[in-house]
């Protein structure tokens, strides 16, 4: 990628160019034979040639809409003159599947992880507190608050006591898809490899009964998985005190875990993007995709989600599906979303957020184009429901909204023991018990938000490295953080309020 020009041409067939830096009205760019006809912010687009009304607008040689009116060379191209239209997209099941060049087992990368009794491996070692219902949320927060850093000093191998409070569990139809989804999510956290121990607390009269939750999800109670019911224990204060005693009994057992050298094949990364901009699809997202190709070659798992954010480019994934059934399952989820969001002003129907617009993304097709790149290029091995346990290694997809806390909560419940989060505008997200690595798409934002960003992918557009080299940097960062190096969001103490199970009804 040339760094001498103010413009970036992403594909020879594109009829738009991306501004590397702000462009001034009347600025001449002879290398592309255009003169800028408006002020254009960095990351936004100008026309490389005349585009007639109704003609497809192409970026990365993918259609992101059609011209809403005649567009002249050098015109600013954005939501004011691009119209989103549906067009036929051949799913081409399996046409782009290529065998993975796996690294031999003996040569695979490694990290220092916590090996659990059932063979699963964690990147962190928390004790987790879960509320079966909103009515026990305060109790688990009070129990967690008791375990201050001073009280945990005697347990250096314990990363903390984290409360995962939630707002439903009663006042909801049961059985129902929403009810099943909530139980899957809670169970996914209870058995998560990043939790050395867990305590589930209920009220007693809620629909989501603790005993039924445990039985229906195949959880096994024991010294490191305990349950309490407030009405049985004796009330709020009594349950807080009993919960503190239960955690105190678990602490020595959880502290007994030690990090040990294990294969990178045990790493499961949830892929997320938030506050995307026009550089996200040029730097951070493709670089993360390159890192995921490396992870898959080493036997690990990459989990792409945010179903609304593959709308319009889903064929890029179905063409990599290992079977037609896997590809069709992805299309079935998109069809569900089309019905789910009917009549709503959500991004599935074309409207992206104000931050995305300001960052240079005109509509959901353009945003999806960059978002899908996070998954890399390896075969799509499976498609999963929200919070469904992921039982295949390699590149997979988990259905979720595009709302960051909800998507990441589902990925963690599905088994992600690390999150990689790309951002162009600057997200302040963090998560527990799986830590979040934040990848900045551009250098100015990275410099401004250094205390929140872990990796500057803006080095790609700056010409310091190419996408594969940045992918290697991200892969190395994944191994370091999986081994215990704190991410910026961990240093800031984020993650206590980002447990947000999907409420069916959110349309993002």
Protein backbone atom coordinates (compact mmCIF):
# COMPACT_ATOMS: atom_id res chain seq x y z
CA UNK A 1 0.00 0.00 0.00
CA UNK A 2 1.59 3.24 -1.14
CA UNK A 3 1.97 5.92 1.52
CA UNK A 4 2.93 8.71 -0.86
CA UNK A 5 -0.62 9.42 -2.04
CA UNK A 6 -3.48 11.02 -0.18
CA UNK A 7 -5.79 8.34 -1.63
CA UNK A 8 -5.98 4.57 -1.31
CA UNK A 9 -7.17 2.32 -4.15
CA UNK A 10 -8.31 -0.96 -2.59
CA UNK A 11 -9.06 -2.87 -5.82
CA UNK A 12 -8.43 -2.21 -9.49
CA UNK A 13 -12.17 -2.52 -10.24
CA UNK A 14 -13.26 -0.04 -7.55
CA UNK A 15 -14.93 3.20 -8.64
CA UNK A 16 -14.25 4.89 -5.29
CA UNK A 17 -11.01 5.79 -3.54
CA UNK A 18 -10.46 6.18 0.23
CA UNK A 19 -8.92 9.33 1.70
CA UNK A 20 -5.80 8.53 3.71
CA UNK A 21 -5.96 12.02 5.25
CA UNK A 22 -8.42 14.96 5.06
CA UNK A 23 -8.77 16.28 1.52
CA UNK A 24 -9.32 19.93 0.63
CA UNK A 25 -11.77 21.27 -1.93
CA UNK A 26 -9.96 21.67 -5.25
CA UNK A 27 -6.99 19.51 -4.25
CA UNK A 28 -5.43 17.92 -7.33
CA UNK A 29 -4.44 14.25 -7.25
CA UNK A 30 -2.77 13.64 -10.61
CA UNK A 31 -1.74 10.05 -9.85
CA UNK A 32 -5.45 9.17 -9.98
CA UNK A 33 -6.42 11.83 -12.52
CA UNK A 34 -8.96 13.50 -10.22
CA UNK A 35 -9.51 16.86 -8.54
CA UNK A 36 -11.37 16.81 -5.21
CA UNK A 37 -14.78 18.49 -5.51
CA UNK A 38 -15.53 18.78 -1.76
CA UNK A 39 -13.92 18.71 1.63
CA UNK A 40 -13.50 15.02 2.52
CA UNK A 41 -12.58 13.66 5.97
CA UNK A 42 -9.95 10.95 6.40
CA UNK A 43 -11.36 7.46 5.89
CA UNK A 44 -14.16 8.69 3.61
CA UNK A 45 -14.52 8.12 -0.15
CA UNK A 46 -14.33 10.07 -3.38
CA UNK A 47 -15.33 8.93 -6.87
CA UNK A 48 -12.45 7.60 -8.95
CA UNK A 49 -14.47 8.14 -12.14
CA UNK A 50 -17.95 9.13 -13.24
CA UNK A 51 -20.65 6.89 -11.72
CA UNK A 52 -24.06 7.06 -13.37
CA UNK A 53 -27.27 7.11 -11.35
CA UNK A 54 -28.22 3.52 -10.54
CA UNK A 55 -24.73 2.16 -11.23
CA UNK A 56 -23.20 -0.04 -8.49
CA UNK A 57 -20.70 1.64 -6.20
CA UNK A 58 -17.78 -0.73 -5.65
CA UNK A 59 -15.29 -0.89 -2.79
CA UNK A 60 -12.90 -3.86 -2.57
CA UNK A 61 -14.73 -4.84 -5.77
CA UNK A 62 -17.84 -5.50 -3.68
CA UNK A 63 -21.14 -3.66 -4.15
CA UNK A 64 -21.91 -1.29 -1.26
CA UNK A 65 -24.94 0.34 -2.93
CA UNK A 66 -25.84 2.21 -6.11
CA UNK A 67 -25.40 5.84 -7.04
CA UNK A 68 -28.48 7.79 -5.99
CA UNK A 69 -27.67 10.38 -8.68
CA UNK A 70 -24.95 11.01 -11.24
CA UNK A 71 -21.58 11.29 -9.48
CA UNK A 72 -18.61 13.08 -11.03
CA UNK A 73 -14.92 12.14 -10.66
CA UNK A 74 -13.60 13.64 -7.42
CA UNK A 75 -17.07 13.93 -5.83
CA UNK A 76 -17.46 13.07 -2.17
CA UNK A 77 -19.24 9.70 -2.03
CA UNK A 78 -21.21 8.89 1.11
CA UNK A 79 -24.74 8.25 2.37
CA UNK A 80 -26.04 11.42 0.67
CA UNK A 81 -25.45 9.95 -2.80
CA UNK A 82 -25.37 6.18 -2.24
CA UNK A 83 -28.62 4.25 -2.12
CA UNK A 84 -28.79 0.85 -0.47
CA UNK A 85 -30.48 -1.75 -2.65
CA UNK A 86 -30.77 -5.49 -2.33
CA UNK A 87 -29.19 -7.50 -5.14
CA UNK A 88 -28.83 -11.17 -5.98
CA UNK A 89 -25.93 -12.78 -4.17
CA UNK A 90 -24.99 -16.34 -5.12
CA UNK A 91 -24.14 -18.19 -1.88
CA UNK A 92 -21.85 -20.53 -3.83
CA UNK A 93 -21.68 -23.02 -0.97
CA UNK A 94 -18.11 -24.26 -0.56
CA UNK A 95 -16.71 -22.76 -3.76
CA UNK A 96 -13.89 -20.94 -1.94
CA UNK A 97 -12.99 -23.66 0.57
CA UNK A 98 -9.25 -24.22 0.67
CA UNK A 99 -7.50 -26.81 2.84
CA UNK A 100 -5.85 -25.37 5.94
CA UNK A 101 -2.07 -25.70 6.06
CA UNK A 102 -1.98 -26.80 9.69
CA UNK A 103 1.22 -26.38 11.67
CA UNK A 104 2.45 -29.81 12.89
CA UNK A 105 1.45 -30.43 16.52
CA UNK A 106 5.04 -30.43 17.76
CA UNK A 107 5.72 -27.05 16.17
CA UNK A 108 2.57 -25.21 17.25
CA UNK A 109 2.76 -22.02 19.28
CA UNK A 110 2.12 -22.25 22.99
CA UNK A 111 0.94 -20.12 25.89
CA UNK A 112 0.73 -20.41 29.66
CA UNK A 113 -2.82 -21.40 30.57
CA UNK A 114 -4.90 -22.91 33.38
CA UNK A 115 -5.74 -26.55 32.64
CA UNK A 116 -9.04 -27.68 34.20
CA UNK A 117 -9.92 -31.20 35.26
CA UNK A 118 -11.91 -31.86 32.08
CA UNK A 119 -9.02 -30.74 29.85
CA UNK A 120 -10.36 -27.31 28.92
CA UNK A 121 -7.89 -24.45 29.25
CA UNK A 122 -8.44 -20.98 30.66
CA UNK A 123 -6.53 -17.77 30.06
CA UNK A 124 -7.66 -16.35 33.42
CA UNK A 125 -8.57 -17.79 36.84
CA UNK A 126 -11.63 -16.06 38.30
CA UNK A 127 -14.34 -17.06 40.74
CA UNK A 128 -17.65 -16.12 39.13
CA UNK A 129 -20.94 -15.20 40.80
CA UNK A 130 -24.11 -15.61 38.72
CA UNK A 131 -27.65 -14.43 39.45
CA UNK A 132 -30.43 -16.64 38.13
CA UNK A 133 -32.75 -13.65 38.30
CA UNK A 134 -32.55 -9.88 38.69
CA UNK A 135 -33.81 -10.27 42.28
CA UNK A 136 -30.46 -11.78 43.35
CA UNK A 137 -28.30 -9.29 41.40
CA UNK A 138 -27.62 -7.02 44.36
CA UNK A 139 -26.62 -9.97 46.51
CA UNK A 140 -23.94 -11.24 44.13
CA UNK A 141 -22.61 -7.70 43.64
CA UNK A 142 -22.29 -7.30 47.42
CA UNK A 143 -20.51 -10.67 47.71
CA UNK A 144 -18.05 -9.70 44.98
CA UNK A 145 -17.45 -6.27 46.54
CA UNK A 146 -16.30 -7.95 49.75
CA UNK A 147 -13.31 -9.47 47.99
CA UNK A 148 -11.12 -6.42 47.67
CA UNK A 149 -7.55 -6.62 46.31
CA UNK A 150 -6.33 -6.52 49.91
CA UNK A 151 -8.44 -9.57 50.84
CA UNK A 152 -7.24 -11.44 47.75
CA UNK A 153 -3.53 -10.82 48.32
CA UNK A 154 -3.19 -14.24 49.90
CA UNK A 155 -4.41 -15.83 46.65
CA UNK A 156 -2.03 -14.58 43.95
CA UNK A 157 -3.25 -17.08 41.34
CA UNK A 158 -6.86 -15.83 41.56
CA UNK A 159 -7.62 -13.00 39.12
CA UNK A 160 -10.63 -11.82 41.08
CA UNK A 161 -14.18 -12.51 42.21
CA UNK A 162 -16.50 -11.26 39.47
CA UNK A 163 -20.28 -10.79 39.66
CA UNK A 164 -22.33 -11.45 36.51
CA UNK A 165 -25.65 -9.87 37.36
CA UNK A 166 -28.52 -9.78 34.88
CA UNK A 167 -31.92 -8.19 34.57
CA UNK A 168 -34.32 -11.02 33.70
CA UNK A 169 -34.95 -14.58 34.91
CA UNK A 170 -38.59 -13.89 35.76
CA UNK A 171 -41.49 -12.02 34.20
CA UNK A 172 -40.77 -13.89 30.99
CA UNK A 173 -42.38 -16.68 29.02
CA UNK A 174 -41.03 -20.12 29.85
CA UNK A 175 -40.41 -22.17 27.92
CA UNK A 176 -39.49 -19.75 25.14
CA UNK A 177 -36.47 -18.99 22.93
CA UNK A 178 -35.59 -16.07 25.23
CA UNK A 179 -35.74 -18.31 28.31
CA UNK A 180 -33.60 -21.01 26.69
CA UNK A 181 -31.09 -18.40 25.53
CA UNK A 182 -30.74 -16.99 29.06
CA UNK A 183 -30.13 -20.44 30.53
CA UNK A 184 -27.53 -21.28 27.87
CA UNK A 185 -25.74 -18.03 28.63
CA UNK A 186 -25.66 -18.55 32.40
CA UNK A 187 -24.54 -22.15 32.01
CA UNK A 188 -21.83 -21.12 29.54
CA UNK A 189 -20.37 -18.79 32.15
CA UNK A 190 -20.76 -21.29 35.00
CA UNK A 191 -18.67 -23.88 33.12
CA UNK A 192 -16.31 -21.40 31.46
CA UNK A 193 -12.63 -22.44 31.58
CA UNK A 194 -11.66 -18.95 32.81
CA UNK A 195 -13.63 -19.59 36.01
CA UNK A 196 -11.92 -21.76 38.56
CA UNK A 197 -15.09 -21.74 40.64
CA UNK A 198 -18.66 -20.43 40.42
CA UNK A 199 -21.60 -19.66 42.69
CA UNK A 200 -25.16 -19.35 41.32
CA UNK A 201 -27.60 -17.39 43.49
CA UNK A 202 -31.38 -17.31 43.03
CA UNK A 203 -34.33 -15.81 44.87
CA UNK A 204 -36.59 -18.85 45.10
CA UNK A 205 -39.87 -17.97 43.37
CA UNK A 206 -38.53 -16.93 39.96
CA UNK A 207 -39.31 -18.72 36.71
CA UNK A 208 -35.63 -19.49 36.20
CA UNK A 209 -35.36 -21.84 39.17
CA UNK A 210 -31.76 -22.56 40.16
CA UNK A 211 -32.26 -26.33 40.46
CA UNK A 212 -33.93 -26.49 37.05
CA UNK A 213 -31.22 -24.31 35.54
CA UNK A 214 -28.53 -26.70 36.81
CA UNK A 215 -30.38 -29.84 35.70
CA UNK A 216 -31.48 -28.57 32.29
CA UNK A 217 -27.97 -27.43 31.37
CA UNK A 218 -26.13 -30.49 32.60
CA UNK A 219 -24.18 -28.61 35.27
CA UNK A 220 -22.67 -30.63 38.10
CA UNK A 221 -22.60 -29.13 41.57
CA UNK A 222 -19.52 -29.66 43.69
CA UNK A 223 -16.87 -27.85 45.68
CA UNK A 224 -16.23 -25.45 42.78
CA UNK A 225 -19.80 -25.05 41.54
CA UNK A 226 -22.24 -24.08 44.28
CA UNK A 227 -25.78 -22.77 44.43
CA UNK A 228 -27.85 -20.75 46.91
CA UNK A 229 -31.50 -19.69 47.11
CA UNK A 230 -32.18 -16.55 49.13
CA UNK A 231 -35.59 -17.59 50.42
CA UNK A 232 -34.08 -20.81 51.73
CA UNK A 233 -30.94 -19.28 53.23
CA UNK A 234 -32.90 -16.66 55.15
CA UNK A 235 -32.85 -13.38 53.24
CA UNK A 236 -30.56 -10.77 51.77
CA UNK A 237 -27.94 -10.28 54.49
CA UNK A 238 -27.87 -13.97 55.35
CA UNK A 239 -27.26 -14.89 51.71
CA UNK A 240 -24.50 -12.30 51.36
CA UNK A 241 -22.76 -13.73 54.42
CA UNK A 242 -23.25 -17.31 53.24
CA UNK A 243 -21.98 -16.39 49.78
CA UNK A 244 -18.86 -14.81 51.25
CA UNK A 245 -18.19 -18.01 53.23
CA UNK A 246 -18.70 -20.13 50.11
CA UNK A 247 -16.22 -18.04 48.11
CA UNK A 248 -13.74 -18.13 50.99
CA UNK A 249 -13.93 -21.93 50.89
CA UNK A 250 -13.34 -21.95 47.13
CA UNK A 251 -10.42 -19.51 47.13
CA UNK A 252 -7.69 -21.99 48.26
CA UNK A 253 -8.90 -24.53 45.70
CA UNK A 254 -8.92 -22.01 42.85
CA UNK A 255 -5.58 -20.58 43.94
CA UNK A 256 -4.09 -24.06 43.64
CA UNK A 257 -4.32 -23.85 39.83
CA UNK A 258 -1.04 -22.90 38.21
CA UNK A 259 -0.31 -21.71 34.70
CA UNK A 260 1.36 -24.34 32.54
CA UNK A 261 2.60 -24.51 28.97
CA UNK A 262 -0.14 -25.60 26.56
CA UNK A 263 -0.78 -25.53 22.83
CA UNK A 264 -2.30 -22.46 21.17
CA UNK A 265 -4.96 -24.86 19.89
CA UNK A 266 -6.74 -24.22 23.21
CA UNK A 267 -7.25 -20.53 22.42
CA UNK A 268 -10.77 -19.54 21.36
CA UNK A 269 -11.02 -15.91 20.26
CA UNK A 270 -14.29 -13.99 20.03
CA UNK A 271 -14.09 -11.45 17.20
CA UNK A 272 -15.80 -8.13 17.75
CA UNK A 273 -15.83 -4.65 16.22
CA UNK A 274 -17.35 -1.45 17.56
CA UNK A 275 -17.20 2.17 16.51
CA UNK A 276 -15.93 1.11 13.08
CA UNK A 277 -14.64 3.68 10.61
CA UNK A 278 -13.46 3.85 7.02
CA UNK A 279 -10.05 2.47 7.98
CA UNK A 280 -11.40 -0.55 9.88
CA UNK A 281 -11.79 -2.58 6.69
CA UNK A 282 -8.30 -1.54 5.50
CA UNK A 283 -6.21 -2.10 8.63
CA UNK A 284 -7.61 -3.60 11.85
CA UNK A 285 -10.20 -6.02 10.45
CA UNK A 286 -8.09 -7.64 7.71
CA UNK A 287 -5.09 -7.74 10.06
CA UNK A 288 -7.19 -9.50 12.69
CA UNK A 289 -8.33 -11.87 9.94
CA UNK A 290 -4.68 -12.61 9.13
CA UNK A 291 -4.07 -13.32 12.83
CA UNK A 292 -7.06 -15.67 12.89
CA UNK A 293 -5.69 -17.54 9.87
CA UNK A 294 -2.52 -18.06 11.93
CA UNK A 295 -4.51 -19.14 14.98
CA UNK A 296 -6.50 -21.67 12.94
CA UNK A 297 -3.26 -23.04 11.43
CA UNK A 298 -2.07 -23.61 15.00
CA UNK A 299 -5.30 -25.48 15.83
CA UNK A 300 -7.21 -22.67 17.57
CA UNK A 301 -10.71 -21.30 17.12
CA UNK A 302 -11.96 -17.97 15.76
CA UNK A 303 -15.58 -16.97 16.51
CA UNK A 304 -17.16 -14.37 14.22
CA UNK A 305 -20.56 -12.98 15.30
CA UNK A 306 -22.77 -9.89 14.86
CA UNK A 307 -25.14 -11.34 12.27
CA UNK A 308 -26.50 -7.95 11.07
CA UNK A 309 -22.91 -6.99 10.25
CA UNK A 310 -22.44 -9.68 7.61
CA UNK A 311 -25.65 -8.64 5.83
CA UNK A 312 -24.82 -7.97 2.20
CA UNK A 313 -21.54 -9.89 2.22
CA UNK A 314 -22.74 -13.21 3.62
CA UNK A 315 -21.68 -14.89 0.37
CA UNK A 316 -18.06 -14.31 1.45
CA UNK A 317 -18.74 -16.77 4.28
CA UNK A 318 -21.11 -19.24 2.59
CA UNK A 319 -18.55 -19.73 -0.18
CA UNK A 320 -16.18 -20.91 2.55
CA UNK A 321 -18.70 -23.22 4.25
CA UNK A 322 -17.40 -26.79 4.61
CA UNK A 323 -20.83 -28.20 3.69
CA UNK A 324 -23.98 -26.81 2.08
CA UNK A 325 -25.75 -27.44 5.41
CA UNK A 326 -23.35 -25.11 7.22
CA UNK A 327 -23.82 -22.43 4.58
CA UNK A 328 -27.61 -22.80 4.64
CA UNK A 329 -27.67 -22.48 8.42
CA UNK A 330 -26.01 -19.07 8.09
CA UNK A 331 -28.58 -18.00 5.50
CA UNK A 332 -31.36 -19.26 7.79
CA UNK A 333 -30.09 -17.02 10.58
CA UNK A 334 -30.06 -14.03 8.23
CA UNK A 335 -33.63 -14.83 7.16
CA UNK A 336 -34.62 -14.92 10.84
CA UNK A 337 -33.03 -11.50 11.31
CA UNK A 338 -34.86 -10.10 8.32
CA UNK A 339 -38.15 -11.05 9.94
CA UNK A 340 -37.00 -10.05 13.44
CA UNK A 341 -36.08 -6.51 12.37
CA UNK A 342 -38.97 -5.92 9.98
CA UNK A 343 -40.36 -2.41 10.50
CA UNK A 344 -37.46 -1.32 12.73
CA UNK A 345 -34.87 1.35 12.01
CA UNK A 346 -31.95 -0.98 12.76
CA UNK A 347 -28.67 -1.44 10.98
CA UNK A 348 -29.79 -4.75 9.42
CA UNK A 349 -32.14 -2.57 7.42
CA UNK A 350 -29.33 -0.27 6.34
CA UNK A 351 -28.95 2.39 9.02
CA UNK A 352 -25.56 2.33 10.72
CA UNK A 353 -24.73 4.33 13.84
CA UNK A 354 -23.75 8.01 13.90
CA UNK A 355 -20.16 7.08 14.76
CA UNK A 356 -19.93 4.75 11.77
CA UNK A 357 -21.33 7.47 9.52
CA UNK A 358 -18.86 10.04 10.85
CA UNK A 359 -16.05 7.52 10.35
CA UNK A 360 -16.83 7.09 6.65
CA UNK A 361 -19.20 4.11 6.49
CA UNK A 362 -22.27 4.90 4.39
CA UNK A 363 -24.47 1.89 5.16
CA UNK A 364 -24.61 -1.66 6.51
CA UNK A 365 -23.21 -3.23 3.31
CA UNK A 366 -20.06 -1.12 3.56
CA UNK A 367 -19.77 -1.81 7.28
CA UNK A 368 -20.33 -5.55 6.73
CA UNK A 369 -17.61 -5.60 4.09
CA UNK A 370 -15.04 -4.65 6.70
CA UNK A 371 -16.63 -6.57 9.57
CA UNK A 372 -16.53 -9.92 7.76
CA UNK A 373 -12.79 -9.57 7.21
CA UNK A 374 -12.13 -10.29 10.90
CA UNK A 375 -12.81 -13.98 10.18
CA UNK A 376 -9.84 -14.40 7.85
CA UNK A 377 -9.88 -16.81 4.92
CA UNK A 378 -10.08 -20.35 6.32
CA UNK A 379 -13.12 -22.66 5.90
CA UNK A 380 -16.31 -21.95 7.85
CA UNK A 381 -16.58 -25.05 10.05
CA UNK A 382 -19.91 -24.40 11.78
CA UNK A 383 -22.73 -21.96 12.59
CA UNK A 384 -24.00 -21.77 16.17
CA UNK A 385 -26.93 -20.25 18.03
CA UNK A 386 -26.25 -17.50 20.56
CA UNK A 387 -24.32 -18.87 23.59
CA UNK A 388 -24.39 -22.40 22.16
CA UNK A 389 -21.23 -24.34 23.19
CA UNK A 390 -18.73 -24.35 20.33
CA UNK A 391 -17.47 -27.87 19.80
CA UNK A 392 -15.39 -27.44 16.62
CA UNK A 393 -11.97 -25.90 16.19
CA UNK A 394 -11.25 -23.53 13.33
CA UNK A 395 -13.28 -20.61 12.00
CA UNK A 396 -16.93 -20.62 13.14
CA UNK A 397 -19.88 -18.23 13.33
CA UNK A 398 -22.13 -17.54 16.35
CA UNK A 399 -25.42 -15.72 15.83
CA UNK A 400 -25.76 -12.46 17.77
CA UNK A 401 -26.83 -8.82 17.52
CA UNK A 402 -24.25 -6.22 16.60
CA UNK A 403 -24.51 -4.58 20.04
CA UNK A 404 -21.04 -5.13 21.50
CA UNK A 405 -21.77 -6.21 25.11
CA UNK A 406 -24.49 -8.63 23.97
CA UNK A 407 -22.35 -10.16 21.22
CA UNK A 408 -19.31 -10.60 23.48
CA UNK A 409 -21.43 -12.06 26.30
CA UNK A 410 -22.66 -14.72 23.87
CA UNK A 411 -19.16 -15.44 22.57
CA UNK A 412 -17.83 -15.91 26.10
CA UNK A 413 -20.79 -18.14 26.99
CA UNK A 414 -19.98 -20.19 23.87
CA UNK A 415 -16.44 -20.72 25.13
CA UNK A 416 -14.29 -17.78 23.96
CA UNK A 417 -11.42 -17.42 26.41
CA UNK A 418 -10.14 -14.23 24.78
CA UNK A 419 -11.76 -11.35 22.84
CA UNK A 420 -10.19 -9.31 20.03
CA UNK A 421 -12.07 -6.05 19.46
CA UNK A 422 -11.35 -3.75 16.52
CA UNK A 423 -12.39 -0.10 16.64
CA UNK A 424 -11.94 3.00 14.52
CA UNK A 425 -13.74 5.62 16.56
CA UNK A 426 -12.49 4.30 19.90
CA UNK A 427 -14.44 1.80 21.99
CA UNK A 428 -13.90 1.70 25.76
CA UNK A 429 -15.12 -1.88 26.10
CA UNK A 430 -13.69 -4.55 28.42
CA UNK A 431 -14.89 -7.96 29.53
CA UNK A 432 -14.63 -10.64 32.19
CA UNK A 433 -13.76 -13.45 32.62
CA UNK A 434 -12.29 -13.43 29.09
CA UNK A 435 -10.10 -10.36 28.60
CA UNK A 436 -10.51 -8.00 25.63
CA UNK A 437 -7.63 -6.93 23.38
CA UNK A 438 -8.52 -3.68 21.59
CA UNK A 439 -7.15 -3.03 18.10
CA UNK A 440 -7.11 0.55 16.78
CA UNK A 441 -7.70 1.07 13.05
CA UNK A 442 -5.87 4.39 12.80
CA UNK A 443 -2.90 6.04 14.48
CA UNK A 444 -4.50 9.37 15.52
CA UNK A 445 -7.18 7.56 17.54
CA UNK A 446 -4.61 5.15 19.00
CA UNK A 447 -2.46 8.06 20.17
CA UNK A 448 -5.43 9.89 21.63
CA UNK A 449 -6.75 6.83 23.47
CA UNK A 450 -3.51 5.07 24.39
CA UNK A 451 -4.81 4.00 27.79
CA UNK A 452 -7.61 2.02 26.14
CA UNK A 453 -5.93 0.61 23.01
CA UNK A 454 -3.61 -2.41 22.93
CA UNK A 455 -2.46 -2.61 19.29
CA UNK A 456 -2.12 0.14 16.69
CA UNK A 457 -3.21 -1.32 13.36
CA UNK A 458 -2.96 2.17 11.91
CA UNK A 459 0.65 1.27 11.18
CA UNK A 460 -0.69 -0.46 8.06
CA UNK A 461 -2.09 2.70 6.48
CA UNK A 462 0.99 4.59 7.73
CA UNK A 463 3.12 2.24 5.62
CA UNK A 464 5.15 0.80 8.50
CA UNK A 465 3.92 -2.78 8.02
CA UNK A 466 1.64 -4.71 5.69
CA UNK A 467 -1.50 -6.61 6.70
CA UNK A 468 0.22 -10.03 7.13
CA UNK A 469 2.91 -8.47 9.31
CA UNK A 470 0.28 -6.77 11.46
CA UNK A 471 -1.52 -10.12 11.69
CA UNK A 472 1.65 -11.63 13.13
CA UNK A 473 1.85 -8.80 15.69
CA UNK A 474 -1.73 -9.46 16.74
CA UNK A 475 -1.11 -13.21 17.01
CA UNK A 476 1.91 -12.56 19.24
CA UNK A 477 -0.18 -10.21 21.40
CA UNK A 478 -2.86 -12.92 21.72
CA UNK A 479 -0.26 -15.39 23.03
CA UNK A 480 1.08 -12.82 25.53
CA UNK A 481 -2.33 -11.83 26.86
CA UNK A 482 -3.51 -15.45 26.94
CA UNK A 483 -0.48 -16.13 29.15
CA UNK A 484 -1.53 -13.49 31.65
CA UNK A 485 -0.24 -10.12 30.45
CA UNK A 486 -2.95 -7.61 31.35
CA UNK A 487 -4.83 -5.83 28.56
CA UNK A 488 -5.52 -2.12 28.79
CA UNK A 489 -9.17 -2.77 29.69
CA UNK A 490 -8.07 -5.07 32.53
CA UNK A 491 -5.71 -2.41 33.88
CA UNK A 492 -8.68 -0.04 33.89
CA UNK A 493 -10.82 -2.57 35.77
CA UNK A 494 -13.45 -2.92 33.04
CA UNK A 495 -15.76 -5.90 32.70
CA UNK A 496 -17.97 -5.77 35.78
CA UNK A 497 -20.91 -4.18 33.94
CA UNK A 498 -20.50 -5.70 30.48
CA UNK A 499 -22.31 -9.00 31.11
CA UNK A 500 -25.42 -8.42 28.95
CA UNK A 501 -27.31 -11.54 27.83
CA UNK A 502 -29.36 -11.00 24.69
CA UNK A 503 -32.92 -9.87 25.38
CA UNK A 504 -34.83 -10.96 22.32
CA UNK A 505 -36.25 -7.64 21.25
CA UNK A 506 -32.97 -5.76 20.82
CA UNK A 507 -32.63 -4.90 17.17
CA UNK A 508 -29.12 -3.85 16.24
